[in-house]
PDB file of all heavy atoms in Angstrom:
ATOM      1  N   SER A   1     -32.064   0.167 -35.155  1.00  0.00           N
ATOM      2  CA  SER A   1     -32.032   1.612 -35.326  1.00  0.00           C
ATOM      3  C   SER A   1     -32.638   2.326 -34.130  1.00  0.00           C
ATOM      4  O   SER A   1     -32.106   3.346 -33.656  1.00  0.00           O
ATOM      5  CB  SER A   1     -32.774   2.000 -36.605  1.00  0.00           C
ATOM      6  OG  SER A   1     -32.819   3.395 -36.753  1.00  0.00           O
ATOM      7  N   VAL A   2     -33.752   1.808 -33.621  1.00  0.00           N
ATOM      8  CA  VAL A   2     -34.397   2.403 -32.446  1.00  0.00           C
ATOM      9  C   VAL A   2     -33.471   2.340 -31.240  1.00  0.00           C
ATOM     10  O   VAL A   2     -33.337   3.314 -30.476  1.00  0.00           O
ATOM     11  CB  VAL A   2     -35.724   1.687 -32.147  1.00  0.00           C
ATOM     12  CG1 VAL A   2     -36.252   2.063 -30.767  1.00  0.00           C
ATOM     13  CG2 VAL A   2     -36.754   2.023 -33.217  1.00  0.00           C
ATOM     14  N   CYS A   3     -32.808   1.212 -31.054  1.00  0.00           N
ATOM     15  CA  CYS A   3     -31.916   1.049 -29.899  1.00  0.00           C
ATOM     16  C   CYS A   3     -30.686   1.953 -30.012  1.00  0.00           C
ATOM     17  O   CYS A   3     -30.211   2.499 -29.009  1.00  0.00           O
ATOM     18  CB  CYS A   3     -31.499  -0.415 -29.766  1.00  0.00           C
ATOM     19  SG  CYS A   3     -32.870  -1.522 -29.349  1.00  0.00           S
ATOM     20  N   ARG A   4     -30.171   2.119 -31.223  1.00  0.00           N
ATOM     21  CA  ARG A   4     -29.043   3.042 -31.417  1.00  0.00           C
ATOM     22  C   ARG A   4     -29.464   4.481 -31.118  1.00  0.00           C
ATOM     23  O   ARG A   4     -28.720   5.246 -30.498  1.00  0.00           O
ATOM     24  CB  ARG A   4     -28.522   2.937 -32.848  1.00  0.00           C
ATOM     25  CG  ARG A   4     -27.713   1.686 -33.148  1.00  0.00           C
ATOM     26  CD  ARG A   4     -27.120   1.746 -34.546  1.00  0.00           C
ATOM     27  NE  ARG A   4     -26.405   0.532 -34.893  1.00  0.00           N
ATOM     28  CZ  ARG A   4     -25.142   0.287 -34.549  1.00  0.00           C
ATOM     29  NH1 ARG A   4     -24.476   1.189 -33.846  1.00  0.00           N
ATOM     30  NH2 ARG A   4     -24.562  -0.842 -34.909  1.00  0.00           N
ATOM     31  N   SER A   5     -30.648   4.837 -31.577  1.00  0.00           N
ATOM     32  CA  SER A   5     -31.155   6.184 -31.317  1.00  0.00           C
ATOM     33  C   SER A   5     -31.343   6.415 -29.814  1.00  0.00           C
ATOM     34  O   SER A   5     -31.108   7.522 -29.316  1.00  0.00           O
ATOM     35  CB  SER A   5     -32.478   6.408 -32.058  1.00  0.00           C
ATOM     36  OG  SER A   5     -32.299   6.308 -33.453  1.00  0.00           O
ATOM     37  N   TYR A   6     -31.767   5.364 -29.102  1.00  0.00           N
ATOM     38  CA  TYR A   6     -31.919   5.455 -27.647  1.00  0.00           C
ATOM     39  C   TYR A   6     -30.562   5.720 -26.996  1.00  0.00           C
ATOM     40  O   TYR A   6     -30.444   6.578 -26.114  1.00  0.00           O
ATOM     41  CB  TYR A   6     -32.533   4.162 -27.124  1.00  0.00           C
ATOM     42  CG  TYR A   6     -32.640   4.072 -25.622  1.00  0.00           C
ATOM     43  CD1 TYR A   6     -33.277   5.056 -24.884  1.00  0.00           C
ATOM     44  CD2 TYR A   6     -32.104   2.973 -24.935  1.00  0.00           C
ATOM     45  CE1 TYR A   6     -33.391   4.966 -23.502  1.00  0.00           C
ATOM     46  CE2 TYR A   6     -32.216   2.873 -23.554  1.00  0.00           C
ATOM     47  CZ  TYR A   6     -32.853   3.880 -22.850  1.00  0.00           C
ATOM     48  OH  TYR A   6     -32.950   3.791 -21.482  1.00  0.00           O
ATOM     49  N   ARG A   7     -29.541   5.004 -27.444  1.00  0.00           N
ATOM     50  CA  ARG A   7     -28.196   5.243 -26.897  1.00  0.00           C
ATOM     51  C   ARG A   7     -27.740   6.671 -27.163  1.00  0.00           C
ATOM     52  O   ARG A   7     -27.187   7.333 -26.268  1.00  0.00           O
ATOM     53  CB  ARG A   7     -27.201   4.262 -27.511  1.00  0.00           C
ATOM     54  CG  ARG A   7     -25.790   4.392 -26.951  1.00  0.00           C
ATOM     55  CD  ARG A   7     -24.819   3.465 -27.650  1.00  0.00           C
ATOM     56  NE  ARG A   7     -24.683   3.794 -29.073  1.00  0.00           N
ATOM     57  CZ  ARG A   7     -23.893   3.129 -29.906  1.00  0.00           C
ATOM     58  NH1 ARG A   7     -23.190   2.103 -29.481  1.00  0.00           N
ATOM     59  NH2 ARG A   7     -23.825   3.488 -31.181  1.00  0.00           N
ATOM     60  N   ASP A   8     -27.987   7.185 -28.366  1.00  0.00           N
ATOM     61  CA  ASP A   8     -27.589   8.550 -28.695  1.00  0.00           C
ATOM     62  C   ASP A   8     -28.354   9.567 -27.846  1.00  0.00           C
ATOM     63  O   ASP A   8     -27.789  10.574 -27.403  1.00  0.00           O
ATOM     64  CB  ASP A   8     -27.828   8.824 -30.179  1.00  0.00           C
ATOM     65  CG  ASP A   8     -26.950   7.960 -31.077  1.00  0.00           C
ATOM     66  OD1 ASP A   8     -25.928   7.442 -30.568  1.00  0.00           O
ATOM     67  OD2 ASP A   8     -27.293   7.786 -32.259  1.00  0.00           O
ATOM     68  N   ALA A   9     -29.641   9.306 -27.616  1.00  0.00           N
ATOM     69  CA  ALA A   9     -30.441  10.220 -26.804  1.00  0.00           C
ATOM     70  C   ALA A   9     -29.959  10.238 -25.354  1.00  0.00           C
ATOM     71  O   ALA A   9     -29.932  11.293 -24.706  1.00  0.00           O
ATOM     72  CB  ALA A   9     -31.912   9.816 -26.866  1.00  0.00           C
ATOM     73  N   LEU A  10     -29.557   9.078 -24.838  1.00  0.00           N
ATOM     74  CA  LEU A  10     -29.018   9.010 -23.480  1.00  0.00           C
ATOM     75  C   LEU A  10     -27.755   9.853 -23.357  1.00  0.00           C
ATOM     76  O   LEU A  10     -27.506  10.478 -22.316  1.00  0.00           O
ATOM     77  CB  LEU A  10     -28.716   7.560 -23.103  1.00  0.00           C
ATOM     78  CG  LEU A  10     -29.902   6.652 -22.803  1.00  0.00           C
ATOM     79  CD1 LEU A  10     -29.436   5.198 -22.663  1.00  0.00           C
ATOM     80  CD2 LEU A  10     -30.619   7.086 -21.524  1.00  0.00           C
ATOM     81  N   SER A  11     -26.948   9.894 -24.411  1.00  0.00           N
ATOM     82  CA  SER A  11     -25.684  10.630 -24.378  1.00  0.00           C
ATOM     83  C   SER A  11     -25.913  12.134 -24.249  1.00  0.00           C
ATOM     84  O   SER A  11     -25.035  12.857 -23.766  1.00  0.00           O
ATOM     85  CB  SER A  11     -24.874  10.347 -25.652  1.00  0.00           C
ATOM     86  OG  SER A  11     -24.599   8.963 -25.775  1.00  0.00           O
ATOM     87  N   GLU A  12     -27.074  12.608 -24.668  1.00  0.00           N
ATOM     88  CA  GLU A  12     -27.372  14.034 -24.601  1.00  0.00           C
ATOM     89  C   GLU A  12     -28.301  14.385 -23.448  1.00  0.00           C
ATOM     90  O   GLU A  12     -28.694  15.539 -23.281  1.00  0.00           O
ATOM     91  CB  GLU A  12     -28.024  14.477 -25.918  1.00  0.00           C
ATOM     92  CG  GLU A  12     -27.137  14.235 -27.141  1.00  0.00           C
ATOM     93  CD  GLU A  12     -27.850  14.547 -28.437  1.00  0.00           C
ATOM     94  OE1 GLU A  12     -29.041  14.940 -28.361  1.00  0.00           O
ATOM     95  OE2 GLU A  12     -27.236  14.409 -29.508  1.00  0.00           O
ATOM     96  N   LEU A  13     -28.639  13.387 -22.651  1.00  0.00           N
ATOM     97  CA  LEU A  13     -29.637  13.581 -21.596  1.00  0.00           C
ATOM     98  C   LEU A  13     -28.996  14.181 -20.344  1.00  0.00           C
ATOM     99  O   LEU A  13     -27.915  13.756 -19.937  1.00  0.00           O
ATOM    100  CB  LEU A  13     -30.274  12.235 -21.248  1.00  0.00           C
ATOM    101  CG  LEU A  13     -31.594  12.258 -20.491  1.00  0.00           C
ATOM    102  CD1 LEU A  13     -32.699  12.796 -21.377  1.00  0.00           C
ATOM    103  CD2 LEU A  13     -31.939  10.859 -20.006  1.00  0.00           C
ATOM    104  N   PRO A  14     -29.656  15.166 -19.701  1.00  0.00           N
ATOM    105  CA  PRO A  14     -29.128  15.695 -18.436  1.00  0.00           C
ATOM    106  C   PRO A  14     -29.342  14.716 -17.296  1.00  0.00           C
ATOM    107  O   PRO A  14     -30.202  13.833 -17.371  1.00  0.00           O
ATOM    108  CB  PRO A  14     -29.948  16.968 -18.222  1.00  0.00           C
ATOM    109  CG  PRO A  14     -31.235  16.706 -18.927  1.00  0.00           C
ATOM    110  CD  PRO A  14     -30.877  15.871 -20.132  1.00  0.00           C
ATOM    111  N   GLN A  15     -28.574  14.866 -16.258  1.00  0.00           N
ATOM    112  CA  GLN A  15     -28.752  14.024 -15.076  1.00  0.00           C
ATOM    113  C   GLN A  15     -30.120  14.300 -14.462  1.00  0.00           C
ATOM    114  O   GLN A  15     -30.670  15.386 -14.573  1.00  0.00           O
ATOM    115  CB  GLN A  15     -27.652  14.319 -14.045  1.00  0.00           C
ATOM    116  CG  GLN A  15     -26.249  14.017 -14.543  1.00  0.00           C
ATOM    117  CD  GLN A  15     -25.194  14.531 -13.594  1.00  0.00           C
ATOM    118  OE1 GLN A  15     -25.468  14.822 -12.445  1.00  0.00           O
ATOM    119  NE2 GLN A  15     -23.975  14.660 -14.089  1.00  0.00           N
ATOM    120  N   ARG A  16     -30.667  13.269 -13.793  1.00  0.00           N
ATOM    121  CA  ARG A  16     -31.989  13.350 -13.159  1.00  0.00           C
ATOM    122  C   ARG A  16     -33.046  13.837 -14.141  1.00  0.00           C
ATOM    123  O   ARG A  16     -33.840  14.732 -13.847  1.00  0.00           O
ATOM    124  CB  ARG A  16     -31.938  14.248 -11.919  1.00  0.00           C
ATOM    125  CG  ARG A  16     -31.049  13.726 -10.808  1.00  0.00           C
ATOM    126  CD  ARG A  16     -31.117  14.603  -9.587  1.00  0.00           C
ATOM    127  NE  ARG A  16     -30.520  15.908  -9.827  1.00  0.00           N
ATOM    128  CZ  ARG A  16     -29.233  16.176  -9.698  1.00  0.00           C
ATOM    129  NH1 ARG A  16     -28.400  15.235  -9.326  1.00  0.00           N
ATOM    130  NH2 ARG A  16     -28.775  17.386  -9.927  1.00  0.00           N
ATOM    131  N   ALA A  17     -33.054  13.248 -15.331  1.00  0.00           N
ATOM    132  CA  ALA A  17     -33.954  13.703 -16.395  1.00  0.00           C
ATOM    133  C   ALA A  17     -35.418  13.499 -16.044  1.00  0.00           C
ATOM    134  O   ALA A  17     -36.286  14.176 -16.590  1.00  0.00           O
ATOM    135  CB  ALA A  17     -33.629  12.973 -17.693  1.00  0.00           C
ATOM    136  N   LEU A  18     -35.731  12.584 -15.153  1.00  0.00           N
ATOM    137  CA  LEU A  18     -37.124  12.360 -14.759  1.00  0.00           C
ATOM    138  C   LEU A  18     -37.465  13.061 -13.455  1.00  0.00           C
ATOM    139  O   LEU A  18     -38.542  12.892 -12.916  1.00  0.00           O
ATOM    140  CB  LEU A  18     -37.403  10.861 -14.618  1.00  0.00           C
ATOM    141  CG  LEU A  18     -37.294  10.042 -15.907  1.00  0.00           C
ATOM    142  CD1 LEU A  18     -37.616   8.587 -15.631  1.00  0.00           C
ATOM    143  CD2 LEU A  18     -38.195  10.592 -16.984  1.00  0.00           C
ATOM    144  N   GLY A  19     -36.504  13.845 -12.950  1.00  0.00           N
ATOM    145  CA  GLY A  19     -36.733  14.582 -11.711  1.00  0.00           C
ATOM    146  C   GLY A  19     -36.712  16.073 -11.973  1.00  0.00           C
ATOM    147  O   GLY A  19     -37.263  16.563 -12.947  1.00  0.00           O
ATOM    148  N   ASN A  20     -36.004  16.798 -11.093  1.00  0.00           N
ATOM    149  CA  ASN A  20     -35.912  18.252 -11.216  1.00  0.00           C
ATOM    150  C   ASN A  20     -34.732  18.602 -12.093  1.00  0.00           C
ATOM    151  O   ASN A  20     -33.590  18.624 -11.651  1.00  0.00           O
ATOM    152  CB  ASN A  20     -35.741  18.879  -9.824  1.00  0.00           C
ATOM    153  CG  ASN A  20     -35.839  20.392  -9.883  1.00  0.00           C
ATOM    154  OD1 ASN A  20     -35.770  20.995 -10.949  1.00  0.00           O
ATOM    155  ND2 ASN A  20     -36.006  21.006  -8.721  1.00  0.00           N
ATOM    156  N   GLU A  21     -34.985  18.892 -13.355  1.00  0.00           N
ATOM    157  CA  GLU A  21     -33.906  19.120 -14.307  1.00  0.00           C
ATOM    158  C   GLU A  21     -33.182  20.433 -14.051  1.00  0.00           C
ATOM    159  O   GLU A  21     -32.088  20.646 -14.558  1.00  0.00           O
ATOM    160  CB  GLU A  21     -34.450  19.079 -15.738  1.00  0.00           C
ATOM    161  CG  GLU A  21     -35.025  17.716 -16.109  1.00  0.00           C
ATOM    162  CD  GLU A  21     -35.419  17.630 -17.571  1.00  0.00           C
ATOM    163  OE1 GLU A  21     -34.924  18.456 -18.356  1.00  0.00           O
ATOM    164  OE2 GLU A  21     -36.217  16.754 -17.915  1.00  0.00           O
ATOM    165  N   THR A  22     -33.793  21.333 -13.275  1.00  0.00           N
ATOM    166  CA  THR A  22     -33.120  22.605 -13.007  1.00  0.00           C
ATOM    167  C   THR A  22     -31.882  22.409 -12.157  1.00  0.00           C
ATOM    168  O   THR A  22     -31.002  23.251 -12.136  1.00  0.00           O
ATOM    169  CB  THR A  22     -34.071  23.567 -12.276  1.00  0.00           C
ATOM    170  OG1 THR A  22     -34.464  22.983 -11.015  1.00  0.00           O
ATOM    171  CG2 THR A  22     -35.314  23.827 -13.114  1.00  0.00           C
ATOM    172  N   LYS A  23     -31.799  21.284 -11.454  1.00  0.00           N
ATOM    173  CA  LYS A  23     -30.643  20.997 -10.617  1.00  0.00           C
ATOM    174  C   LYS A  23     -29.613  20.132 -11.326  1.00  0.00           C
ATOM    175  O   LYS A  23     -28.598  19.778 -10.747  1.00  0.00           O
ATOM    176  CB  LYS A  23     -31.086  20.292  -9.324  1.00  0.00           C
ATOM    177  CG  LYS A  23     -31.956  21.143  -8.422  1.00  0.00           C
ATOM    178  CD  LYS A  23     -32.274  20.390  -7.136  1.00  0.00           C
ATOM    179  CE  LYS A  23     -33.140  21.239  -6.207  1.00  0.00           C
ATOM    180  NZ  LYS A  23     -33.454  20.517  -4.948  1.00  0.00           N
ATOM    181  N   SER A  24     -29.882  19.775 -12.562  1.00  0.00           N
ATOM    182  CA  SER A  24     -28.982  18.889 -13.293  1.00  0.00           C
ATOM    183  C   SER A  24     -27.669  19.587 -13.604  1.00  0.00           C
ATOM    184  O   SER A  24     -27.629  20.783 -13.894  1.00  0.00           O
ATOM    185  CB  SER A  24     -29.629  18.435 -14.595  1.00  0.00           C
ATOM    186  OG  SER A  24     -30.798  17.697 -14.331  1.00  0.00           O
ATOM    187  N   GLN A  25     -26.596  18.852 -13.540  1.00  0.00           N
ATOM    188  CA  GLN A  25     -25.270  19.369 -13.848  1.00  0.00           C
ATOM    189  C   GLN A  25     -24.601  18.394 -14.809  1.00  0.00           C
ATOM    190  O   GLN A  25     -24.147  17.346 -14.401  1.00  0.00           O
ATOM    191  CB  GLN A  25     -24.432  19.543 -12.583  1.00  0.00           C
ATOM    192  CG  GLN A  25     -25.022  20.537 -11.594  1.00  0.00           C
ATOM    193  CD  GLN A  25     -24.183  20.629 -10.337  1.00  0.00           C
ATOM    194  OE1 GLN A  25     -23.205  19.919 -10.184  1.00  0.00           O
ATOM    195  NE2 GLN A  25     -24.558  21.515  -9.449  1.00  0.00           N
ATOM    196  N   GLY A  26     -24.551  18.764 -16.085  1.00  0.00           N
ATOM    197  CA  GLY A  26     -23.898  17.903 -17.046  1.00  0.00           C
ATOM    198  C   GLY A  26     -24.786  16.774 -17.524  1.00  0.00           C
ATOM    199  O   GLY A  26     -25.942  16.629 -17.127  1.00  0.00           O
ATOM    200  N   CYS A  27     -24.216  15.959 -18.411  1.00  0.00           N
ATOM    201  CA  CYS A  27     -24.943  14.834 -18.996  1.00  0.00           C
ATOM    202  C   CYS A  27     -24.606  13.537 -18.270  1.00  0.00           C
ATOM    203  O   CYS A  27     -23.746  13.502 -17.393  1.00  0.00           O
ATOM    204  CB  CYS A  27     -24.583  14.722 -20.478  1.00  0.00           C
ATOM    205  SG  CYS A  27     -25.110  16.153 -21.456  1.00  0.00           S
ATOM    206  N   LEU A  28     -25.306  12.483 -18.656  1.00  0.00           N
ATOM    207  CA  LEU A  28     -25.067  11.180 -18.052  1.00  0.00           C
ATOM    208  C   LEU A  28     -23.660  10.701 -18.388  1.00  0.00           C
ATOM    209  O   LEU A  28     -23.164  10.920 -19.493  1.00  0.00           O
ATOM    210  CB  LEU A  28     -26.091  10.166 -18.557  1.00  0.00           C
ATOM    211  CG  LEU A  28     -27.565  10.450 -18.264  1.00  0.00           C
ATOM    212  CD1 LEU A  28     -28.423   9.332 -18.833  1.00  0.00           C
ATOM    213  CD2 LEU A  28     -27.814  10.604 -16.784  1.00  0.00           C
TER     214      LEU A  28
END
């Protein structure tokens, strides 16, 4: 369940999520 939730969270994550998110364009 934890691993599935991780996959779902990745699907909604912006690019460069650990960097400058203001420059992100779209999701992974």
